[in-house]
Every structure is written in structure tokens, then in C-alpha cells.
Amino acid sequence: DLCSGTGCIGISLKKTLPLLDVYL
């Protein structure tokens, strides 16, 4: 998640699909 800001995109993806490896 590039230019993450609050992290709303990357964190929401991780919460919805926990098996993802997410970097903010």
C-alpha cells in the first residue's frame, strides 16, 4: 500500500483477508 496515509487501504485489506502479507 503505497502512499498509505492513515493506512486505511492496506489495513482494511489485511483485516478482510488475513493471509495477505501487507506492507505500508
PDB file of all heavy atoms in Angstrom:
ATOM      1  N   ASP A   1       0.886  -1.170   0.000  1.00  0.00           N
ATOM      2  CA  ASP A   1       0.000   0.000   0.000  1.00  0.00           C
ATOM      3  C   ASP A   1       0.920   1.215   0.000  1.00  0.00           C
ATOM      4  O   ASP A   1       1.519   1.553   1.032  1.00  0.00           O
ATOM      5  CB  ASP A   1      -0.894  -0.023   1.238  1.00  0.00           C
ATOM      6  CG  ASP A   1      -1.756   1.230   1.389  1.00  0.00           C
ATOM      7  OD1 ASP A   1      -1.772   2.055   0.458  1.00  0.00           O
ATOM      8  OD2 ASP A   1      -2.404   1.374   2.443  1.00  0.00           O
ATOM      9  N   LEU A   2       1.059   1.855  -1.146  1.00  0.00           N
ATOM     10  CA  LEU A   2       1.989   2.964  -1.314  1.00  0.00           C
ATOM     11  C   LEU A   2       1.288   4.301  -1.117  1.00  0.00           C
ATOM     12  O   LEU A   2       0.163   4.479  -1.574  1.00  0.00           O
ATOM     13  CB  LEU A   2       2.631   2.907  -2.704  1.00  0.00           C
ATOM     14  CG  LEU A   2       3.332   1.593  -3.076  1.00  0.00           C
ATOM     15  CD1 LEU A   2       3.945   1.683  -4.476  1.00  0.00           C
ATOM     16  CD2 LEU A   2       4.404   1.224  -2.050  1.00  0.00           C
ATOM     17  N   CYS A   3       1.949   5.228  -0.445  1.00  0.00           N
ATOM     18  CA  CYS A   3       1.332   6.495  -0.021  1.00  0.00           C
ATOM     19  C   CYS A   3       0.169   6.179   0.919  1.00  0.00           C
ATOM     20  O   CYS A   3      -0.979   6.582   0.702  1.00  0.00           O
ATOM     21  CB  CYS A   3       0.864   7.334  -1.200  1.00  0.00           C
ATOM     22  SG  CYS A   3       2.136   7.702  -2.426  1.00  0.00           S
ATOM     23  N   SER A   4       0.471   5.464   1.984  1.00  0.00           N
ATOM     24  CA  SER A   4      -0.552   4.836   2.829  1.00  0.00           C
ATOM     25  C   SER A   4      -1.420   5.805   3.607  1.00  0.00           C
ATOM     26  O   SER A   4      -2.575   5.499   3.910  1.00  0.00           O
ATOM     27  CB  SER A   4       0.108   3.878   3.830  1.00  0.00           C
ATOM     28  OG  SER A   4       0.649   2.771   3.183  1.00  0.00           O
ATOM     29  N   GLY A   5      -0.880   6.967   4.020  1.00  0.00           N
ATOM     30  CA  GLY A   5      -1.668   7.882   4.827  1.00  0.00           C
ATOM     31  C   GLY A   5      -2.069   7.248   6.148  1.00  0.00           C
ATOM     32  O   GLY A   5      -1.233   6.789   6.927  1.00  0.00           O
ATOM     33  N   THR A   6      -3.356   7.182   6.418  1.00  0.00           N
ATOM     34  CA  THR A   6      -3.858   6.555   7.646  1.00  0.00           C
ATOM     35  C   THR A   6      -3.642   5.047   7.665  1.00  0.00           C
ATOM     36  O   THR A   6      -3.802   4.413   8.707  1.00  0.00           O
ATOM     37  CB  THR A   6      -5.367   6.799   7.815  1.00  0.00           C
ATOM     38  OG1 THR A   6      -6.051   6.242   6.683  1.00  0.00           O
ATOM     39  CG2 THR A   6      -5.681   8.280   7.936  1.00  0.00           C
ATOM     40  N   GLY A   7      -3.323   4.476   6.502  1.00  0.00           N
ATOM     41  CA  GLY A   7      -3.232   3.023   6.394  1.00  0.00           C
ATOM     42  C   GLY A   7      -4.561   2.369   6.098  1.00  0.00           C
ATOM     43  O   GLY A   7      -4.680   1.140   6.139  1.00  0.00           O
ATOM     44  N   CYS A   8      -5.572   3.179   5.752  1.00  0.00           N
ATOM     45  CA  CYS A   8      -6.928   2.637   5.634  1.00  0.00           C
ATOM     46  C   CYS A   8      -7.033   1.552   4.563  1.00  0.00           C
ATOM     47  O   CYS A   8      -7.766   0.567   4.748  1.00  0.00           O
ATOM     48  CB  CYS A   8      -7.941   3.747   5.394  1.00  0.00           C
ATOM     49  SG  CYS A   8      -7.698   4.710   3.890  1.00  0.00           S
ATOM     50  N   ILE A   9      -6.299   1.697   3.466  1.00  0.00           N
ATOM     51  CA  ILE A   9      -6.400   0.683   2.409  1.00  0.00           C
ATOM     52  C   ILE A   9      -5.736  -0.613   2.842  1.00  0.00           C
ATOM     53  O   ILE A   9      -6.361  -1.680   2.894  1.00  0.00           O
ATOM     54  CB  ILE A   9      -5.775   1.184   1.094  1.00  0.00           C
ATOM     55  CG1 ILE A   9      -6.510   2.417   0.567  1.00  0.00           C
ATOM     56  CG2 ILE A   9      -5.808   0.077   0.041  1.00  0.00           C
ATOM     57  CD1 ILE A   9      -5.857   3.049  -0.652  1.00  0.00           C
ATOM     58  N   GLY A  10      -4.452  -0.531   3.152  1.00  0.00           N
ATOM     59  CA  GLY A  10      -3.704  -1.742   3.477  1.00  0.00           C
ATOM     60  C   GLY A  10      -4.226  -2.460   4.703  1.00  0.00           C
ATOM     61  O   GLY A  10      -4.324  -3.694   4.724  1.00  0.00           O
ATOM     62  N   ILE A  11      -4.571  -1.703   5.745  1.00  0.00           N
ATOM     63  CA  ILE A  11      -5.083  -2.329   6.966  1.00  0.00           C
ATOM     64  C   ILE A  11      -6.440  -2.983   6.708  1.00  0.00           C
ATOM     65  O   ILE A  11      -6.712  -4.095   7.187  1.00  0.00           O
ATOM     66  CB  ILE A  11      -5.165  -1.300   8.107  1.00  0.00           C
ATOM     67  CG1 ILE A  11      -3.751  -0.878   8.523  1.00  0.00           C
ATOM     68  CG2 ILE A  11      -5.917  -1.874   9.299  1.00  0.00           C
ATOM     69  CD1 ILE A  11      -3.705   0.247   9.546  1.00  0.00           C
ATOM     70  N   SER A  12      -7.294  -2.318   5.937  1.00  0.00           N
ATOM     71  CA  SER A  12      -8.601  -2.919   5.621  1.00  0.00           C
ATOM     72  C   SER A  12      -8.438  -4.207   4.825  1.00  0.00           C
ATOM     73  O   SER A  12      -9.176  -5.174   5.047  1.00  0.00           O
ATOM     74  CB  SER A  12      -9.458  -1.916   4.832  1.00  0.00           C
ATOM     75  OG  SER A  12      -9.770  -0.785   5.613  1.00  0.00           O
ATOM     76  N   LEU A  13      -7.480  -4.216   3.898  1.00  0.00           N
ATOM     77  CA  LEU A  13      -7.232  -5.446   3.138  1.00  0.00           C
ATOM     78  C   LEU A  13      -6.760  -6.562   4.064  1.00  0.00           C
ATOM     79  O   LEU A  13      -7.208  -7.710   3.953  1.00  0.00           O
ATOM     80  CB  LEU A  13      -6.191  -5.181   2.049  1.00  0.00           C
ATOM     81  CG  LEU A  13      -6.612  -4.250   0.911  1.00  0.00           C
ATOM     82  CD1 LEU A  13      -5.445  -4.012  -0.044  1.00  0.00           C
ATOM     83  CD2 LEU A  13      -7.809  -4.814   0.143  1.00  0.00           C
ATOM     84  N   LYS A  14      -5.867  -6.233   4.974  1.00  0.00           N
ATOM     85  CA  LYS A  14      -5.351  -7.238   5.910  1.00  0.00           C
ATOM     86  C   LYS A  14      -6.450  -7.752   6.836  1.00  0.00           C
ATOM     87  O   LYS A  14      -6.535  -8.956   7.104  1.00  0.00           O
ATOM     88  CB  LYS A  14      -4.208  -6.643   6.731  1.00  0.00           C
ATOM     89  CG  LYS A  14      -3.604  -7.592   7.765  1.00  0.00           C
ATOM     90  CD  LYS A  14      -2.886  -8.753   7.107  1.00  0.00           C
ATOM     91  CE  LYS A  14      -2.155  -9.608   8.149  1.00  0.00           C
ATOM     92  NZ  LYS A  14      -1.439 -10.754   7.528  1.00  0.00           N
ATOM     93  N   LYS A  15      -7.296  -6.862   7.331  1.00  0.00           N
ATOM     94  CA  LYS A  15      -8.380  -7.276   8.227  1.00  0.00           C
ATOM     95  C   LYS A  15      -9.387  -8.152   7.495  1.00  0.00           C
ATOM     96  O   LYS A  15      -9.962  -9.074   8.073  1.00  0.00           O
ATOM     97  CB  LYS A  15      -9.091  -6.037   8.790  1.00  0.00           C
ATOM     98  CG  LYS A  15      -8.225  -5.170   9.683  1.00  0.00           C
ATOM     99  CD  LYS A  15      -7.912  -5.803  11.023  1.00  0.00           C
ATOM    100  CE  LYS A  15      -9.117  -5.824  11.925  1.00  0.00           C
ATOM    101  NZ  LYS A  15      -8.780  -6.331  13.278  1.00  0.00           N
ATOM    102  N   THR A  16      -9.610  -7.862   6.215  1.00  0.00           N
ATOM    103  CA  THR A  16     -10.582  -8.620   5.434  1.00  0.00           C
ATOM    104  C   THR A  16     -10.013  -9.951   4.963  1.00  0.00           C
ATOM    105  O   THR A  16     -10.714 -10.977   4.969  1.00  0.00           O
ATOM    106  CB  THR A  16     -11.037  -7.792   4.218  1.00  0.00           C
ATOM    107  OG1 THR A  16     -11.530  -6.523   4.662  1.00  0.00           O
ATOM    108  CG2 THR A  16     -12.142  -8.519   3.455  1.00  0.00           C
ATOM    109  N   LEU A  17      -8.737  -9.938   4.562  1.00  0.00           N
ATOM    110  CA  LEU A  17      -8.068 -11.149   4.072  1.00  0.00           C
ATOM    111  C   LEU A  17      -6.776 -11.345   4.861  1.00  0.00           C
ATOM    112  O   LEU A  17      -5.691 -10.939   4.435  1.00  0.00           O
ATOM    113  CB  LEU A  17      -7.773 -11.013   2.574  1.00  0.00           C
ATOM    114  CG  LEU A  17      -8.990 -10.839   1.651  1.00  0.00           C
ATOM    115  CD1 LEU A  17      -8.534 -10.536   0.233  1.00  0.00           C
ATOM    116  CD2 LEU A  17      -9.871 -12.077   1.678  1.00  0.00           C
ATOM    117  N   PRO A  18      -6.866 -11.967   6.037  1.00  0.00           N
ATOM    118  CA  PRO A  18      -5.722 -12.044   6.959  1.00  0.00           C
ATOM    119  C   PRO A  18      -4.490 -12.763   6.408  1.00  0.00           C
ATOM    120  O   PRO A  18      -3.389 -12.576   6.943  1.00  0.00           O
ATOM    121  CB  PRO A  18      -6.294 -12.797   8.170  1.00  0.00           C
ATOM    122  CG  PRO A  18      -7.771 -12.578   8.098  1.00  0.00           C
ATOM    123  CD  PRO A  18      -8.092 -12.529   6.641  1.00  0.00           C
ATOM    124  N   LEU A  19      -4.638 -13.575   5.365  1.00  0.00           N
ATOM    125  CA  LEU A  19      -3.491 -14.308   4.833  1.00  0.00           C
ATOM    126  C   LEU A  19      -2.593 -13.440   3.947  1.00  0.00           C
ATOM    127  O   LEU A  19      -1.514 -13.876   3.554  1.00  0.00           O
ATOM    128  CB  LEU A  19      -3.956 -15.533   4.051  1.00  0.00           C
ATOM    129  CG  LEU A  19      -4.618 -16.644   4.878  1.00  0.00           C
ATOM    130  CD1 LEU A  19      -5.040 -17.802   3.979  1.00  0.00           C
ATOM    131  CD2 LEU A  19      -3.696 -17.138   5.978  1.00  0.00           C
ATOM    132  N   LEU A  20      -3.028 -12.227   3.640  1.00  0.00           N
ATOM    133  CA  LEU A  20      -2.194 -11.335   2.855  1.00  0.00           C
ATOM    134  C   LEU A  20      -0.989 -10.860   3.676  1.00  0.00           C
ATOM    135  O   LEU A  20      -1.093 -10.649   4.883  1.00  0.00           O
ATOM    136  CB  LEU A  20      -2.983 -10.096   2.420  1.00  0.00           C
ATOM    137  CG  LEU A  20      -4.151 -10.293   1.457  1.00  0.00           C
ATOM    138  CD1 LEU A  20      -4.833  -8.947   1.207  1.00  0.00           C
ATOM    139  CD2 LEU A  20      -3.690 -10.907   0.149  1.00  0.00           C
ATOM    140  N   ASP A  21       0.150 -10.712   3.015  1.00  0.00           N
ATOM    141  CA  ASP A  21       1.312 -10.058   3.620  1.00  0.00           C
ATOM    142  C   ASP A  21       1.314  -8.609   3.137  1.00  0.00           C
ATOM    143  O   ASP A  21       1.611  -8.335   1.973  1.00  0.00           O
ATOM    144  CB  ASP A  21       2.605 -10.757   3.205  1.00  0.00           C
ATOM    145  CG  ASP A  21       2.712 -12.155   3.776  1.00  0.00           C
ATOM    146  OD1 ASP A  21       2.284 -12.357   4.929  1.00  0.00           O
ATOM    147  OD2 ASP A  21       3.220 -13.045   3.067  1.00  0.00           O
ATOM    148  N   VAL A  22       0.968  -7.694   4.041  1.00  0.00           N
ATOM    149  CA  VAL A  22       0.765  -6.295   3.666  1.00  0.00           C
ATOM    150  C   VAL A  22       1.891  -5.427   4.211  1.00  0.00           C
ATOM    151  O   VAL A  22       2.281  -5.552   5.377  1.00  0.00           O
ATOM    152  CB  VAL A  22      -0.590  -5.783   4.192  1.00  0.00           C
ATOM    153  CG1 VAL A  22      -0.771  -4.299   3.875  1.00  0.00           C
ATOM    154  CG2 VAL A  22      -1.744  -6.593   3.600  1.00  0.00           C
ATOM    155  N   TYR A  23       2.392  -4.529   3.353  1.00  0.00           N
ATOM    156  CA  TYR A  23       3.404  -3.551   3.741  1.00  0.00           C
ATOM    157  C   TYR A  23       2.859  -2.158   3.446  1.00  0.00           C
ATOM    158  O   TYR A  23       2.343  -1.907   2.345  1.00  0.00           O
ATOM    159  CB  TYR A  23       4.703  -3.767   2.957  1.00  0.00           C
ATOM    160  CG  TYR A  23       5.394  -5.077   3.254  1.00  0.00           C
ATOM    161  CD1 TYR A  23       4.986  -6.253   2.614  1.00  0.00           C
ATOM    162  CD2 TYR A  23       6.445  -5.142   4.154  1.00  0.00           C
ATOM    163  CE1 TYR A  23       5.608  -7.463   2.884  1.00  0.00           C
ATOM    164  CE2 TYR A  23       7.094  -6.356   4.422  1.00  0.00           C
ATOM    165  CZ  TYR A  23       6.665  -7.506   3.789  1.00  0.00           C
ATOM    166  OH  TYR A  23       7.291  -8.704   4.045  1.00  0.00           O
ATOM    167  N   LEU A  24       2.987  -1.259   4.424  1.00  0.00           N
ATOM    168  CA  LEU A  24       2.505   0.108   4.282  1.00  0.00           C
ATOM    169  C   LEU A  24       3.699   1.041   4.109  1.00  0.00           C
ATOM    170  O   LEU A  24       4.633   1.008   4.915  1.00  0.00           O
ATOM    171  CB  LEU A  24       1.715   0.528   5.525  1.00  0.00           C
ATOM    172  CG  LEU A  24       0.617  -0.429   6.000  1.00  0.00           C
ATOM    173  CD1 LEU A  24       0.026   0.066   7.315  1.00  0.00           C
ATOM    174  CD2 LEU A  24      -0.468  -0.580   4.947  1.00  0.00           C
TER     175      LEU A  24
END
